[in-house]
Amino acid sequence: MKPIRLLKAAAGLLALSASAAFAQSKPAEPLLEFNYGLPAANHASVFVAQDLGLFEKVGLKPKFFFFQSGAPLLAGLKSESLDVVTAGLALAFAIGQNIPLKLMFWEANSAASEGLVVDPKSGLKSYRDLAKAKKIAAATGTCAQVSLYLMAKKAGIEYSKLDVVNLPAPLFRNAFMSGSIDAGVAWPPFSLQLQQEGYPVVSFDEEYTPPGGVCPGLTAARPAFLKQNPQIGVKLLQVEAMAREAIAKNPQVGIDAYVKRLQLSPAVAKATLERECCGRGIPSFAEQLDPSSPYSMTSKEGGLVAKLVLASEALHAAKAIAEPIPLAAIQEAVDPSHLREYMKTLGK
């Protein structure tokens, strides 16, 4: 090879080496940090994603804030100190209070394991016996109150005639033991925890609510945050998909996550996961995009919109809110665009 060719070849090799070295030394893109708010409840996919480092795998770094009730979570949204939230009907209250919010996808369907829990000495065998109950616990402004209202309506009982105690599900056990209540509507995991302790669930939501229930667990974000970070919706869906797949392959990761965070016994954690996991309580992404599905996020009148409208009407009838949430406000909040983009580019 002539000297000039040798020099050119050497220069080419040096350039390639420099390029490879630059690629290796190029710093990775920083993880997107954001504040993530959740009520202390049954968020299996989020918990498992935390444990398995799935958020970091897609370039996210959430800082988690857990709340004992919906009120402080709403305050966090209103003050813009929370960017992303996963919750139940608290998000409907946010819409009703004109807090800007976009509902992106279903994380759970708590209706699958919410139900009427009774003292076995009460003589109540199902929701049809509701008129026999002396005192019934149901936390005001929650899925439990909506369920109790619909239960009474289906049983032909006036809700106003029931003696309802405003009590959250975590406090039912002591209330049952003291004789303060003889029935209550509890959400998961407390419904199944009470059942393990001898207070049976005599009717689950599916018996007295429309298909799919009226207790959606949803992941949502502030519109301004979404505008600044347009890919976060798809990234959160990636995390959700990986977490669901991990639980389906090895349910023990979900059981362990519940035991660790909610201080449940392994038996209660397993029972909760079995009622909600893998096709039973968690709507598939395809179902959420199907306009005819009870979980649809694309229907303007049915699916999620219809559930939130019904919940709003029930809460108004039970005097938990002054006015039903306007249909237009609910329709505006439901945003399937991130789900569509995920299914188009990454969905299976």
Protein backbone atom coordinates (compact mmCIF):
# COMPACT_ATOMS: atom_id res chain seq x y z
CA MET A 1 0.00 0.00 0.00
CA LYS A 2 1.33 3.46 -0.89
CA PRO A 3 2.23 5.87 1.97
CA ILE A 4 -0.68 8.24 1.17
CA ARG A 5 -3.17 5.35 1.31
CA LEU A 6 -1.65 4.17 4.58
CA LEU A 7 -2.10 7.63 6.08
CA LYS A 8 -5.72 7.80 4.91
CA ALA A 9 -6.49 4.36 6.34
CA ALA A 10 -4.88 5.26 9.64
CA ALA A 11 -6.83 8.51 9.76
CA GLY A 12 -10.06 6.60 9.10
CA LEU A 13 -9.33 4.15 11.90
CA LEU A 14 -8.56 7.00 14.29
CA ALA A 15 -11.85 8.71 13.37
CA LEU A 16 -13.80 5.51 13.97
CA SER A 17 -12.04 4.97 17.30
CA ALA A 18 -12.76 8.54 18.37
CA SER A 19 -16.41 8.20 17.36
CA ALA A 20 -16.79 4.94 19.33
CA ALA A 21 -15.05 6.45 22.35
CA PHE A 22 -17.37 9.47 22.21
CA ALA A 23 -20.44 7.21 22.01
CA GLN A 24 -19.24 5.24 25.03
CA SER A 25 -18.42 8.34 27.06
CA LYS A 26 -21.58 10.24 26.10
CA PRO A 27 -23.62 10.65 29.28
CA ALA A 28 -27.01 8.96 29.41
CA GLU A 29 -30.03 11.20 29.28
CA PRO A 30 -31.10 12.21 32.80
CA LEU A 31 -34.16 10.50 34.22
CA LEU A 32 -37.32 12.60 34.20
CA GLU A 33 -38.14 13.43 37.80
CA PHE A 34 -41.74 14.12 38.82
CA ASN A 35 -44.06 13.95 41.84
CA TYR A 36 -46.44 10.98 41.88
CA GLY A 37 -49.41 10.97 44.28
CA LEU A 38 -51.41 7.90 45.33
CA PRO A 39 -53.88 7.08 48.10
CA ALA A 40 -52.72 4.23 50.35
CA ALA A 41 -54.60 1.43 48.61
CA ASN A 42 -54.24 -1.53 46.27
CA HIS A 43 -51.92 -0.32 43.50
CA ALA A 44 -50.31 -3.61 42.52
CA SER A 45 -48.82 -2.52 39.20
CA VAL A 46 -47.32 0.67 40.65
CA PHE A 47 -45.86 -1.20 43.64
CA VAL A 48 -44.36 -3.92 41.45
CA ALA A 49 -42.96 -1.30 39.06
CA GLN A 50 -41.23 0.33 42.02
CA ASP A 51 -39.80 -2.96 43.26
CA LEU A 52 -38.52 -4.03 39.83
CA GLY A 53 -37.12 -0.64 38.80
CA LEU A 54 -39.43 -0.41 35.79
CA PHE A 55 -39.85 3.36 35.91
CA GLU A 56 -36.10 3.84 35.57
CA LYS A 57 -36.02 1.43 32.62
CA VAL A 58 -38.09 3.88 30.56
CA GLY A 59 -36.30 7.00 31.78
CA LEU A 60 -38.55 8.06 34.65
CA LYS A 61 -37.76 8.88 38.26
CA PRO A 62 -40.97 9.38 40.27
CA LYS A 63 -40.98 10.70 43.82
CA PHE A 64 -43.92 9.04 45.53
CA PHE A 65 -46.35 10.66 47.95
CA PHE A 66 -48.96 8.46 49.64
CA PHE A 67 -52.18 9.89 51.10
CA GLN A 68 -54.64 8.41 53.59
CA SER A 69 -57.61 10.07 51.85
CA GLY A 70 -58.56 11.91 48.68
CA ALA A 71 -58.70 15.43 50.17
CA PRO A 72 -54.93 16.00 50.53
CA LEU A 73 -54.35 14.40 47.14
CA LEU A 74 -56.75 16.93 45.59
CA ALA A 75 -54.95 19.73 47.44
CA GLY A 76 -51.68 18.51 45.92
CA LEU A 77 -53.19 18.64 42.44
CA LYS A 78 -54.72 22.05 43.02
CA SER A 79 -51.38 23.49 44.20
CA GLU A 80 -49.61 21.81 41.24
CA SER A 81 -47.23 20.05 43.65
CA LEU A 82 -48.29 16.69 42.16
CA ASP A 83 -47.68 15.92 38.50
CA VAL A 84 -49.11 12.40 38.12
CA VAL A 85 -51.71 10.63 40.26
CA THR A 86 -53.28 7.20 40.43
CA ALA A 87 -56.56 7.11 42.34
CA GLY A 88 -60.26 6.31 42.24
CA LEU A 89 -63.26 8.62 42.52
CA ALA A 90 -61.08 11.32 44.07
CA LEU A 91 -60.26 12.17 40.46
CA ALA A 92 -63.93 12.72 39.71
CA PHE A 93 -64.01 15.20 42.59
CA ALA A 94 -61.00 16.94 41.02
CA ILE A 95 -62.92 17.32 37.76
CA GLY A 96 -65.95 18.61 39.70
CA GLN A 97 -63.74 21.22 41.38
CA ASN A 98 -62.38 22.38 38.00
CA ILE A 99 -58.88 21.12 38.76
CA PRO A 100 -57.19 20.61 35.36
CA LEU A 101 -56.66 16.89 34.85
CA LYS A 102 -56.30 14.33 32.06
CA LEU A 103 -57.36 10.73 32.75
CA MET A 104 -54.96 8.59 30.70
CA PHE A 105 -55.64 4.91 31.48
CA TRP A 106 -57.13 2.40 33.90
CA GLU A 107 -54.68 1.08 36.49
CA ALA A 108 -57.23 -1.07 38.32
CA ASN A 109 -60.91 -1.81 38.77
CA SER A 110 -61.53 -1.79 42.51
CA ALA A 111 -65.16 -2.79 41.95
CA ALA A 112 -63.87 -6.35 41.43
CA SER A 113 -63.20 -6.77 45.15
CA GLU A 114 -65.37 -4.10 46.77
CA GLY A 115 -68.48 -5.34 48.50
CA LEU A 116 -70.91 -5.52 51.39
CA VAL A 117 -69.20 -6.83 54.51
CA VAL A 118 -71.36 -7.95 57.45
CA ASP A 119 -71.17 -9.11 61.01
CA PRO A 120 -72.08 -12.83 60.82
CA LYS A 121 -74.47 -12.30 63.78
CA SER A 122 -76.44 -9.66 61.83
CA GLY A 123 -78.48 -12.15 59.78
CA LEU A 124 -77.66 -10.27 56.56
CA LYS A 125 -77.10 -12.76 53.73
CA SER A 126 -76.87 -10.41 50.74
CA TYR A 127 -77.48 -6.81 49.68
CA ARG A 128 -81.20 -7.68 49.39
CA ASP A 129 -81.33 -7.82 53.20
CA LEU A 130 -80.05 -4.25 53.49
CA ALA A 131 -83.25 -3.02 55.17
CA LYS A 132 -82.47 -5.27 58.15
CA ALA A 133 -79.18 -3.52 58.86
CA LYS A 134 -79.17 -1.24 61.90
CA LYS A 135 -76.02 0.74 61.08
CA ILE A 136 -74.10 0.57 57.80
CA ALA A 137 -70.64 2.04 57.33
CA ALA A 138 -69.71 3.79 54.07
CA ALA A 139 -67.20 6.60 53.73
CA THR A 140 -68.78 9.75 52.33
CA GLY A 141 -67.72 10.73 48.82
CA THR A 142 -66.15 7.38 47.96
CA CYS A 143 -66.84 4.36 45.77
CA ALA A 144 -68.29 2.74 48.90
CA GLN A 145 -71.01 5.38 49.19
CA VAL A 146 -71.81 5.11 45.48
CA SER A 147 -72.05 1.32 45.79
CA LEU A 148 -74.30 1.55 48.84
CA TYR A 149 -76.62 3.96 47.03
CA LEU A 150 -76.85 1.66 43.97
CA MET A 151 -77.27 -1.37 46.22
CA ALA A 152 -80.21 0.25 48.01
CA LYS A 153 -81.75 1.31 44.72
CA LYS A 154 -81.56 -2.22 43.30
CA ALA A 155 -82.97 -3.68 46.51
CA GLY A 156 -85.89 -1.21 46.35
CA ILE A 157 -84.87 0.64 49.52
CA GLU A 158 -84.73 4.41 49.93
CA TYR A 159 -81.15 5.41 50.66
CA SER A 160 -82.38 8.15 53.00
CA LYS A 161 -84.02 5.51 55.20
CA LEU A 162 -80.69 3.77 55.88
CA ASP A 163 -78.68 4.64 58.99
CA VAL A 164 -75.32 5.27 57.32
CA VAL A 165 -72.16 5.87 59.35
CA ASN A 166 -69.41 7.89 57.65
CA LEU A 167 -66.53 5.51 58.29
CA PRO A 168 -63.59 4.51 56.03
CA ALA A 169 -62.92 0.83 55.42
CA PRO A 170 -59.66 0.65 57.46
CA LEU A 171 -61.71 1.37 60.60
CA PHE A 172 -64.41 -1.27 60.05
CA ARG A 173 -62.75 -4.00 62.11
CA ASN A 174 -62.86 -2.08 65.38
CA ALA A 175 -66.40 -0.88 64.61
CA PHE A 176 -67.57 -4.46 64.04
CA MET A 177 -65.86 -5.66 67.21
CA SER A 178 -67.46 -2.92 69.31
CA GLY A 179 -70.91 -3.50 67.77
CA SER A 180 -71.01 0.05 66.35
CA ILE A 181 -71.95 -1.28 62.90
CA ASP A 182 -73.40 -4.51 61.59
CA ALA A 183 -72.57 -3.94 57.91
CA GLY A 184 -70.37 -1.80 55.71
CA VAL A 185 -69.16 -1.34 52.14
CA ALA A 186 -65.41 -1.90 52.00
CA TRP A 187 -62.92 -1.49 49.20
CA PRO A 188 -59.87 -3.70 48.64
CA PRO A 189 -57.77 -4.92 50.35
CA PHE A 190 -59.88 -4.27 53.47
CA SER A 191 -62.93 -6.15 52.16
CA LEU A 192 -60.93 -9.36 51.86
CA GLN A 193 -58.97 -8.70 55.05
CA LEU A 194 -62.25 -8.47 56.97
CA GLN A 195 -63.46 -11.66 55.31
CA GLN A 196 -60.34 -13.47 56.50
CA GLU A 197 -61.10 -12.27 60.03
CA GLY A 198 -64.63 -13.66 60.06
CA TYR A 199 -66.67 -10.79 58.62
CA PRO A 200 -67.87 -12.16 55.26
CA VAL A 201 -68.37 -10.26 52.02
CA VAL A 202 -71.95 -11.33 51.25
CA SER A 203 -72.24 -9.39 47.97
CA PHE A 204 -69.60 -8.00 45.64
CA ASP A 205 -70.13 -4.90 43.49
CA GLU A 206 -70.81 -6.94 40.37
CA GLU A 207 -74.18 -7.97 41.84
CA TYR A 208 -75.68 -4.49 42.08
CA THR A 209 -73.65 -2.21 39.78
CA PRO A 210 -73.43 -2.06 35.96
CA PRO A 211 -70.86 -4.27 34.18
CA GLY A 212 -67.38 -3.20 35.26
CA GLY A 213 -68.65 -1.52 38.42
CA VAL A 214 -68.35 2.15 39.28
CA CYS A 215 -64.98 2.25 41.02
CA PRO A 216 -62.34 2.85 38.34
CA GLY A 217 -58.71 3.17 39.39
CA LEU A 218 -57.13 5.62 36.96
CA THR A 219 -53.76 7.17 36.22
CA ALA A 220 -53.95 10.85 35.39
CA ALA A 221 -51.72 13.89 35.01
CA ARG A 222 -51.87 17.66 35.01
CA PRO A 223 -52.33 18.97 31.44
CA ALA A 224 -49.52 21.53 31.86
CA PHE A 225 -47.11 18.77 32.91
CA LEU A 226 -48.18 16.63 29.94
CA LYS A 227 -47.58 19.55 27.60
CA GLN A 228 -44.05 19.98 28.96
CA ASN A 229 -43.38 16.23 28.81
CA PRO A 230 -45.50 14.84 25.95
CA GLN A 231 -43.95 11.35 26.06
CA ILE A 232 -44.64 10.65 29.72
CA GLY A 233 -48.09 9.16 29.02
CA VAL A 234 -46.62 6.50 26.72
CA LYS A 235 -43.74 5.87 29.16
CA LEU A 236 -46.18 5.33 32.04
CA LEU A 237 -48.10 2.89 29.86
CA GLN A 238 -44.86 1.04 29.14
CA VAL A 239 -44.30 0.73 32.88
CA GLU A 240 -47.88 -0.42 33.43
CA ALA A 241 -47.56 -3.05 30.69
CA MET A 242 -44.27 -4.41 32.07
CA ALA A 243 -45.67 -4.55 35.61
CA ARG A 244 -48.80 -6.41 34.47
CA GLU A 245 -46.64 -8.87 32.56
CA ALA A 246 -44.38 -9.42 35.59
CA ILE A 247 -47.39 -10.11 37.85
CA ALA A 248 -48.97 -12.47 35.31
CA LYS A 249 -45.72 -14.44 35.03
CA ASN A 250 -45.05 -14.50 38.77
CA PRO A 251 -47.98 -13.43 41.00
CA GLN A 252 -45.70 -13.65 44.01
CA VAL A 253 -44.16 -10.27 43.13
CA GLY A 254 -47.60 -8.70 43.54
CA ILE A 255 -48.30 -10.58 46.77
CA ASP A 256 -44.95 -9.50 48.21
CA ALA A 257 -45.61 -5.88 47.20
CA TYR A 258 -48.94 -5.87 49.06
CA VAL A 259 -47.49 -7.53 52.15
CA LYS A 260 -44.62 -5.03 52.22
CA ARG A 261 -46.63 -1.84 51.74
CA LEU A 262 -50.08 -2.53 53.16
CA GLN A 263 -49.04 -4.79 56.05
CA LEU A 264 -51.34 -7.55 54.83
CA SER A 265 -51.00 -11.22 55.61
CA PRO A 266 -49.78 -13.27 52.61
CA ALA A 267 -53.23 -14.94 52.46
CA VAL A 268 -55.10 -11.61 52.20
CA ALA A 269 -52.57 -10.25 49.72
CA LYS A 270 -53.00 -13.35 47.55
CA ALA A 271 -56.83 -13.16 47.72
CA THR A 272 -56.79 -9.46 46.77
CA LEU A 273 -54.47 -10.03 43.84
CA GLU A 274 -56.49 -13.00 42.59
CA ARG A 275 -59.73 -10.98 42.49
CA GLU A 276 -58.13 -8.06 40.66
CA CYS A 277 -55.25 -9.39 38.62
CA CYS A 278 -54.71 -10.47 35.11
CA GLY A 279 -57.90 -9.96 33.15
CA ARG A 280 -60.40 -10.00 36.00
CA GLY A 281 -60.21 -6.59 37.59
CA ILE A 282 -57.75 -4.77 35.37
CA PRO A 283 -59.08 -3.80 31.93
CA SER A 284 -56.75 -4.58 29.03
CA PHE A 285 -55.52 -1.72 26.89
CA ALA A 286 -57.58 -3.08 24.00
CA GLU A 287 -60.74 -3.00 26.14
CA GLN A 288 -59.99 0.58 27.09
CA LEU A 289 -59.85 1.58 23.42
CA ASP A 290 -62.97 -0.38 22.45
CA PRO A 291 -65.92 2.05 22.27
CA SER A 292 -68.37 -0.74 23.17
CA SER A 293 -66.45 -1.92 26.27
CA PRO A 294 -67.66 -1.03 29.79
CA TYR A 295 -64.09 0.19 30.35
CA SER A 296 -63.92 2.29 27.19
CA MET A 297 -61.97 5.53 27.24
CA THR A 298 -63.00 6.35 23.68
CA SER A 299 -66.78 6.40 24.07
CA LYS A 300 -68.25 9.84 24.68
CA GLU A 301 -71.38 8.48 26.35
CA GLY A 302 -70.53 4.97 27.61
CA GLY A 303 -67.56 3.26 29.22
CA LEU A 304 -65.57 5.35 31.69
CA VAL A 305 -67.59 8.49 30.98
CA ALA A 306 -70.84 6.69 31.86
CA LYS A 307 -69.31 5.32 35.07
CA LEU A 308 -68.18 8.73 36.23
CA VAL A 309 -71.55 10.26 35.34
CA LEU A 310 -73.37 7.55 37.31
CA ALA A 311 -71.02 7.92 40.29
CA SER A 312 -71.54 11.68 40.20
CA GLU A 313 -75.33 11.31 40.13
CA ALA A 314 -75.24 8.80 43.00
CA LEU A 315 -73.04 11.07 45.12
CA HIS A 316 -75.39 13.97 44.45
CA ALA A 317 -78.44 11.88 45.37
CA ALA A 318 -76.65 10.79 48.58
CA LYS A 319 -75.97 14.48 49.31
CA ALA A 320 -72.19 14.04 49.18
CA ILE A 321 -71.84 16.75 46.49
CA ALA A 322 -73.97 19.81 45.81
CA GLU A 323 -74.36 19.24 42.06
CA PRO A 324 -73.60 16.40 39.63
CA ILE A 325 -70.39 16.85 37.62
CA PRO A 326 -71.23 18.19 34.13
CA LEU A 327 -71.00 15.63 31.35
CA ALA A 328 -68.86 17.98 29.22
CA ALA A 329 -66.29 18.31 32.02
CA ILE A 330 -65.97 14.52 32.30
CA GLN A 331 -65.69 14.10 28.53
CA GLU A 332 -62.99 16.75 28.37
CA ALA A 333 -60.96 15.05 31.13
CA VAL A 334 -60.92 11.55 29.58
CA ASP A 335 -57.91 11.48 27.24
CA PRO A 336 -57.21 8.23 25.32
CA SER A 337 -54.53 9.80 23.09
CA HIS A 338 -51.62 8.37 25.09
CA LEU A 339 -53.16 4.91 25.02
CA ARG A 340 -53.69 5.14 21.27
CA GLU A 341 -50.09 6.23 20.75
CA TYR A 342 -48.78 3.42 22.93
CA MET A 343 -50.82 0.76 21.11
CA LYS A 344 -49.79 2.19 17.73
CA THR A 345 -46.06 2.20 18.47
CA LEU A 346 -45.39 -0.31 21.26
CA GLY A 347 -48.56 -2.23 22.03
CA LYS A 348 -48.81 -5.96 21.52
